[in-house]
Amino acid sequence: MIDQNIDSIDPRYCLRIPLPEGRGGQRVDTEDEAHKKKEKAVRCAQCGHGITSPRERIDVQGMHQHAFCNPYGIIFEIGCFRAAPGCGYAGPATEEFSWFPGYGWRLAMCSSCLTHLGWQYSASDKESFCGLILDNLIQPE
């Protein structure tokens, strides 16, 4: 062991070790940890893009899951989520044929591949939420 005061070490003779990717001494996830985080996301079934997380699940009108039939006879089973940051939204909200009275809706799609994932519901006096088509999502186990 070398008995030397750290202040007396000449920095020209110090070994410089590059930090891992990221800023400063910030911890970088290993590939396995990154995979585990991805697994916990609710993802688009088409492209695997992260859409939301299980902790964003909410009950609307007393339930998380709902089954509805649109005016063309197509049945959708949706799950309600407080937020879906992996979605993009199209068009202005409309209350026409809304499955949730008092809420307007607009299309919600995967912001990566543009697959239709459901609808965003909003009302002036209530919290907005997303009704996402469960068949178009991959749920974490």
C-alpha atoms as a PDB file:
ATOM      1  CA  MET A   1       0.000   0.000   0.000  1.00  0.00           C
ATOM      2  CA  ILE A   2       1.287   3.428  -0.891  1.00  0.00           C
ATOM      3  CA  ASP A   3       1.201   5.922   1.904  1.00  0.00           C
ATOM      4  CA  GLN A   4       0.756   9.183   0.022  1.00  0.00           C
ATOM      5  CA  ASN A   5      -1.465  12.194   0.526  1.00  0.00           C
ATOM      6  CA  ILE A   6      -3.980  12.509  -2.332  1.00  0.00           C
ATOM      7  CA  ASP A   7      -3.224  16.218  -2.612  1.00  0.00           C
ATOM      8  CA  SER A   8       0.397  15.491  -3.505  1.00  0.00           C
ATOM      9  CA  ILE A   9      -0.411  13.294  -6.546  1.00  0.00           C
ATOM     10  CA  ASP A  10       0.546  14.850  -9.860  1.00  0.00           C
ATOM     11  CA  PRO A  11      -2.578  14.650 -12.107  1.00  0.00           C
ATOM     12  CA  ARG A  12      -0.367  14.149 -15.186  1.00  0.00           C
ATOM     13  CA  TYR A  13       0.320  10.620 -13.951  1.00  0.00           C
ATOM     14  CA  CYS A  14      -3.243   9.630 -13.127  1.00  0.00           C
ATOM     15  CA  LEU A  15      -5.097   7.029 -15.111  1.00  0.00           C
ATOM     16  CA  ARG A  16      -8.217   8.474 -16.715  1.00  0.00           C
ATOM     17  CA  ILE A  17     -11.118   6.049 -16.879  1.00  0.00           C
ATOM     18  CA  PRO A  18     -13.992   7.085 -19.150  1.00  0.00           C
ATOM     19  CA  LEU A  19     -17.406   7.133 -17.532  1.00  0.00           C
ATOM     20  CA  PRO A  20     -20.134   4.941 -18.994  1.00  0.00           C
ATOM     21  CA  GLU A  21     -22.562   6.549 -21.420  1.00  0.00           C
ATOM     22  CA  GLY A  22     -24.796   9.037 -19.713  1.00  0.00           C
ATOM     23  CA  ARG A  23     -24.054  12.264 -17.883  1.00  0.00           C
ATOM     24  CA  GLY A  24     -21.419  12.520 -15.188  1.00  0.00           C
ATOM     25  CA  GLY A  25     -21.575   9.714 -12.685  1.00  0.00           C
ATOM     26  CA  GLN A  26     -25.177   8.887 -13.543  1.00  0.00           C
ATOM     27  CA  ARG A  27     -25.974   5.199 -13.324  1.00  0.00           C
ATOM     28  CA  VAL A  28     -26.553   3.506 -16.679  1.00  0.00           C
ATOM     29  CA  ASP A  29     -28.935   0.577 -16.891  1.00  0.00           C
ATOM     30  CA  THR A  30     -27.503  -2.710 -18.028  1.00  0.00           C
ATOM     31  CA  GLU A  31     -29.104  -4.367 -21.036  1.00  0.00           C
ATOM     32  CA  ASP A  32     -30.970  -6.756 -18.708  1.00  0.00           C
ATOM     33  CA  GLU A  33     -32.325  -3.893 -16.564  1.00  0.00           C
ATOM     34  CA  ALA A  34     -33.434  -1.991 -19.672  1.00  0.00           C
ATOM     35  CA  HIS A  35     -35.206  -5.147 -20.904  1.00  0.00           C
ATOM     36  CA  LYS A  36     -37.013  -5.523 -17.568  1.00  0.00           C
ATOM     37  CA  LYS A  37     -38.216  -1.906 -17.731  1.00  0.00           C
ATOM     38  CA  LYS A  38     -39.464  -2.465 -21.288  1.00  0.00           C
ATOM     39  CA  GLU A  39     -41.289  -5.610 -20.173  1.00  0.00           C
ATOM     40  CA  LYS A  40     -43.191  -3.626 -17.536  1.00  0.00           C
ATOM     41  CA  ALA A  41     -44.602  -1.243 -20.146  1.00  0.00           C
ATOM     42  CA  VAL A  42     -47.936  -1.689 -21.871  1.00  0.00           C
ATOM     43  CA  ARG A  43     -46.752  -1.808 -25.479  1.00  0.00           C
ATOM     44  CA  CYS A  44     -48.151  -1.496 -28.983  1.00  0.00           C
ATOM     45  CA  ALA A  45     -48.800  -5.014 -30.330  1.00  0.00           C
ATOM     46  CA  GLN A  46     -47.786  -3.888 -33.827  1.00  0.00           C
ATOM     47  CA  CYS A  47     -44.325  -2.412 -33.157  1.00  0.00           C
ATOM     48  CA  GLY A  48     -43.569  -2.901 -29.424  1.00  0.00           C
ATOM     49  CA  HIS A  49     -43.416   0.831 -28.680  1.00  0.00           C
ATOM     50  CA  GLY A  50     -44.112   1.681 -25.010  1.00  0.00           C
ATOM     51  CA  ILE A  51     -47.587   3.208 -24.715  1.00  0.00           C
ATOM     52  CA  THR A  52     -48.344   3.426 -21.000  1.00  0.00           C
ATOM     53  CA  SER A  53     -47.759   1.502 -17.782  1.00  0.00           C
ATOM     54  CA  PRO A  54     -49.954  -0.743 -15.660  1.00  0.00           C
ATOM     55  CA  ARG A  55     -49.968   1.863 -12.858  1.00  0.00           C
ATOM     56  CA  GLU A  56     -51.905   4.194 -15.207  1.00  0.00           C
ATOM     57  CA  ARG A  57     -54.916   1.829 -15.227  1.00  0.00           C
ATOM     58  CA  ILE A  58     -58.069   3.463 -13.882  1.00  0.00           C
ATOM     59  CA  ASP A  59     -61.725   2.653 -13.430  1.00  0.00           C
ATOM     60  CA  VAL A  60     -64.217   4.736 -15.379  1.00  0.00           C
ATOM     61  CA  GLN A  61     -67.911   4.233 -14.621  1.00  0.00           C
ATOM     62  CA  GLY A  62     -66.860   1.621 -12.062  1.00  0.00           C
ATOM     63  CA  MET A  63     -64.703  -0.589 -14.350  1.00  0.00           C
ATOM     64  CA  HIS A  64     -61.296  -0.663 -16.020  1.00  0.00           C
ATOM     65  CA  GLN A  65     -62.446  -2.809 -18.970  1.00  0.00           C
ATOM     66  CA  HIS A  66     -65.440  -2.033 -21.165  1.00  0.00           C
ATOM     67  CA  ALA A  67     -66.898  -3.606 -24.318  1.00  0.00           C
ATOM     68  CA  PHE A  68     -68.618  -1.309 -26.809  1.00  0.00           C
ATOM     69  CA  CYS A  69     -70.074  -1.572 -30.285  1.00  0.00           C
ATOM     70  CA  ASN A  70     -69.524   1.305 -32.706  1.00  0.00           C
ATOM     71  CA  PRO A  71     -72.171   2.473 -35.247  1.00  0.00           C
ATOM     72  CA  TYR A  72     -70.701   0.058 -37.848  1.00  0.00           C
ATOM     73  CA  GLY A  73     -71.237  -2.976 -35.606  1.00  0.00           C
ATOM     74  CA  ILE A  74     -67.568  -3.417 -34.679  1.00  0.00           C
ATOM     75  CA  ILE A  75     -67.087  -4.485 -31.064  1.00  0.00           C
ATOM     76  CA  PHE A  76     -64.151  -3.044 -29.129  1.00  0.00           C
ATOM     77  CA  GLU A  77     -62.897  -4.186 -25.745  1.00  0.00           C
ATOM     78  CA  ILE A  78     -61.039  -1.288 -24.195  1.00  0.00           C
ATOM     79  CA  GLY A  79     -59.119  -0.604 -21.015  1.00  0.00           C
ATOM     80  CA  CYS A  80     -59.074   2.837 -19.389  1.00  0.00           C
ATOM     81  CA  PHE A  81     -55.759   4.553 -18.634  1.00  0.00           C
ATOM     82  CA  ARG A  82     -55.127   7.894 -16.937  1.00  0.00           C
ATOM     83  CA  ALA A  83     -52.337   8.693 -19.404  1.00  0.00           C
ATOM     84  CA  ALA A  84     -50.772   7.115 -22.477  1.00  0.00           C
ATOM     85  CA  PRO A  85     -47.620   9.091 -23.285  1.00  0.00           C
ATOM     86  CA  GLY A  86     -46.742   6.704 -26.128  1.00  0.00           C
ATOM     87  CA  CYS A  87     -49.854   7.747 -28.053  1.00  0.00           C
ATOM     88  CA  GLY A  88     -50.413  10.523 -30.538  1.00  0.00           C
ATOM     89  CA  TYR A  89     -53.867  12.011 -31.069  1.00  0.00           C
ATOM     90  CA  ALA A  90     -55.722  13.097 -34.189  1.00  0.00           C
ATOM     91  CA  GLY A  91     -58.531  15.504 -34.827  1.00  0.00           C
ATOM     92  CA  PRO A  92     -60.677  17.643 -32.600  1.00  0.00           C
ATOM     93  CA  ALA A  93     -62.738  15.973 -29.895  1.00  0.00           C
ATOM     94  CA  THR A  94     -66.358  15.165 -30.706  1.00  0.00           C
ATOM     95  CA  GLU A  95     -69.184  13.999 -28.454  1.00  0.00           C
ATOM     96  CA  GLU A  96     -70.942  12.227 -31.343  1.00  0.00           C
ATOM     97  CA  PHE A  97     -71.403   8.508 -30.517  1.00  0.00           C
ATOM     98  CA  SER A  98     -69.344   8.881 -27.323  1.00  0.00           C
ATOM     99  CA  TRP A  99     -69.296   5.744 -25.189  1.00  0.00           C
ATOM    100  CA  PHE A 100     -68.807   7.897 -22.112  1.00  0.00           C
ATOM    101  CA  PRO A 101     -71.590  10.502 -21.714  1.00  0.00           C
ATOM    102  CA  GLY A 102     -70.262  14.015 -21.172  1.00  0.00           C
ATOM    103  CA  TYR A 103     -66.895  13.209 -22.778  1.00  0.00           C
ATOM    104  CA  GLY A 104     -65.692  14.086 -26.250  1.00  0.00           C
ATOM    105  CA  TRP A 105     -63.337  11.687 -28.001  1.00  0.00           C
ATOM    106  CA  ARG A 106     -60.575  11.773 -30.576  1.00  0.00           C
ATOM    107  CA  LEU A 107     -58.442   9.041 -32.099  1.00  0.00           C
ATOM    108  CA  ALA A 108     -55.401   7.715 -30.230  1.00  0.00           C
ATOM    109  CA  MET A 109     -52.651   5.993 -32.171  1.00  0.00           C
ATOM    110  CA  CYS A 110     -49.178   4.631 -31.538  1.00  0.00           C
ATOM    111  CA  SER A 111     -46.777   7.543 -31.908  1.00  0.00           C
ATOM    112  CA  SER A 112     -44.235   5.169 -33.462  1.00  0.00           C
ATOM    113  CA  CYS A 113     -46.148   3.149 -36.092  1.00  0.00           C
ATOM    114  CA  LEU A 114     -49.504   5.034 -36.177  1.00  0.00           C
ATOM    115  CA  THR A 115     -51.599   1.921 -35.422  1.00  0.00           C
ATOM    116  CA  HIS A 116     -55.044   2.858 -34.121  1.00  0.00           C
ATOM    117  CA  LEU A 117     -54.925   2.089 -30.383  1.00  0.00           C
ATOM    118  CA  GLY A 118     -58.148   3.675 -29.168  1.00  0.00           C
ATOM    119  CA  TRP A 119     -59.459   7.064 -28.131  1.00  0.00           C
ATOM    120  CA  GLN A 120     -58.665   9.912 -25.812  1.00  0.00           C
ATOM    121  CA  TYR A 121     -61.699  11.104 -23.842  1.00  0.00           C
ATOM    122  CA  SER A 122     -61.910  14.634 -22.486  1.00  0.00           C
ATOM    123  CA  ALA A 123     -64.479  16.859 -20.802  1.00  0.00           C
ATOM    124  CA  SER A 124     -64.221  20.431 -19.625  1.00  0.00           C
ATOM    125  CA  ASP A 125     -65.126  19.544 -16.034  1.00  0.00           C
ATOM    126  CA  LYS A 126     -63.513  16.072 -15.712  1.00  0.00           C
ATOM    127  CA  GLU A 127     -60.089  14.455 -15.983  1.00  0.00           C
ATOM    128  CA  SER A 128     -59.235  13.165 -19.452  1.00  0.00           C
ATOM    129  CA  PHE A 129     -58.300   9.513 -20.000  1.00  0.00           C
ATOM    130  CA  CYS A 130     -57.539   7.061 -22.770  1.00  0.00           C
ATOM    131  CA  GLY A 131     -59.694   4.102 -23.740  1.00  0.00           C
ATOM    132  CA  LEU A 132     -57.232   1.735 -25.412  1.00  0.00           C
ATOM    133  CA  ILE A 133     -58.159  -1.323 -27.489  1.00  0.00           C
ATOM    134  CA  LEU A 134     -56.833  -4.261 -25.477  1.00  0.00           C
ATOM    135  CA  ASP A 135     -56.312  -6.481 -28.548  1.00  0.00           C
ATOM    136  CA  ASN A 136     -53.905  -3.853 -29.922  1.00  0.00           C
ATOM    137  CA  LEU A 137     -51.731  -3.847 -26.790  1.00  0.00           C
ATOM    138  CA  ILE A 138     -49.222  -6.181 -25.189  1.00  0.00           C
ATOM    139  CA  GLN A 139     -49.763  -6.242 -21.439  1.00  0.00           C
ATOM    140  CA  PRO A 140     -46.850  -7.049 -19.108  1.00  0.00           C
ATOM    141  CA  GLU A 141     -47.087 -10.352 -17.296  1.00  0.00           C
END
